[in-house]
C-alpha atoms as a PDB file:
ATOM      1  CA  UNK A   1     123.356  84.290 141.247  1.00  0.00           C
ATOM      2  CA  UNK A   2     121.856  87.482 140.568  1.00  0.00           C
ATOM      3  CA  UNK A   3     124.940  89.880 141.066  1.00  0.00           C
ATOM      4  CA  UNK A   4     126.677  87.732 138.226  1.00  0.00           C
ATOM      5  CA  UNK A   5     123.602  88.261 135.915  1.00  0.00           C
ATOM      6  CA  UNK A   6     123.568  91.719 136.852  1.00  0.00           C
ATOM      7  CA  UNK A   7     127.260  92.203 136.080  1.00  0.00           C
ATOM      8  CA  UNK A   8     126.310  90.036 132.634  1.00  0.00           C
ATOM      9  CA  UNK A   9     123.584  92.897 131.785  1.00  0.00           C
ATOM     10  CA  UNK A  10     125.512  95.939 132.376  1.00  0.00           C
ATOM     11  CA  UNK A  11     128.757  94.328 130.259  1.00  0.00           C
ATOM     12  CA  UNK A  12     125.898  93.738 127.928  1.00  0.00           C
ATOM     13  CA  UNK A  13     124.664  97.321 127.608  1.00  0.00           C
ATOM     14  CA  UNK A  14     128.389  98.553 127.564  1.00  0.00           C
ATOM     15  CA  UNK A  15     129.584  96.296 124.831  1.00  0.00           C
ATOM     16  CA  UNK A  16     126.490  97.116 122.733  1.00  0.00           C
ATOM     17  CA  UNK A  17     127.866  99.462 119.963  1.00  0.00           C
ATOM     18  CA  UNK A  18     130.805  96.240 119.668  1.00  0.00           C
ATOM     19  CA  UNK A  19     128.112  93.846 119.438  1.00  0.00           C
ATOM     20  CA  UNK A  20     126.027  95.856 117.158  1.00  0.00           C
ATOM     21  CA  UNK A  21     128.545  96.057 114.374  1.00  0.00           C
ATOM     22  CA  UNK A  22     129.507  92.335 115.059  1.00  0.00           C
ATOM     23  CA  UNK A  23     126.115  91.142 114.753  1.00  0.00           C
ATOM     24  CA  UNK A  24     125.792  93.655 111.405  1.00  0.00           C
ATOM     25  CA  UNK A  25     129.107  92.344 109.791  1.00  0.00           C
ATOM     26  CA  UNK A  26     127.782  88.800 110.568  1.00  0.00           C
ATOM     27  CA  UNK A  27     125.338  89.132 108.796  1.00  0.00           C
ATOM     28  CA  UNK A  28     126.935  91.069 105.625  1.00  0.00           C
ATOM     29  CA  UNK A  29     128.735  87.771 105.641  1.00  0.00           C
ATOM     30  CA  UNK A  30     125.944  85.567 105.693  1.00  0.00           C
ATOM     31  CA  UNK A  31     124.207  87.521 103.017  1.00  0.00           C
ATOM     32  CA  UNK A  32     127.332  87.384 100.709  1.00  0.00           C
ATOM     33  CA  UNK A  33     127.787  83.658 101.377  1.00  0.00           C
ATOM     34  CA  UNK A  34     124.017  82.370 100.618  1.00  0.00           C
ATOM     35  CA  UNK A  35     124.768  84.731  97.185  1.00  0.00           C
ATOM     36  CA  UNK A  36     127.719  83.057  97.061  1.00  0.00           C
ATOM     37  CA  UNK A  37     126.107  79.492  97.190  1.00  0.00           C
ATOM     38  CA  UNK A  38     122.840  80.504  95.190  1.00  0.00           C
ATOM     39  CA  UNK A  39     124.854  81.588  92.155  1.00  0.00           C
ATOM     40  CA  UNK A  40     126.708  78.683  92.255  1.00  0.00           C
ATOM     41  CA  UNK A  41     123.849  75.985  92.338  1.00  0.00           C
ATOM     42  CA  UNK A  42     122.533  78.493  89.371  1.00  0.00           C
ATOM     43  CA  UNK A  43     125.603  78.265  87.513  1.00  0.00           C
ATOM     44  CA  UNK A  44     125.796  74.324  87.981  1.00  0.00           C
ATOM     45  CA  UNK A  45     122.126  74.211  87.232  1.00  0.00           C
ATOM     46  CA  UNK A  46     122.225  75.587  84.028  1.00  0.00           C
ATOM     47  CA  UNK A  47     125.306  73.858  82.790  1.00  0.00           C
END
């Protein structure tokens, strides 16, 4: 079991750059989605 966990840790370190890029993209997407939803709610609330 310890060997498997070690392999996972090594893989995470190797994929660190990809993981960081994916997390950044996900954060950008979520921020855009939240901004869009808030804008729609404000528009519907004002009309």
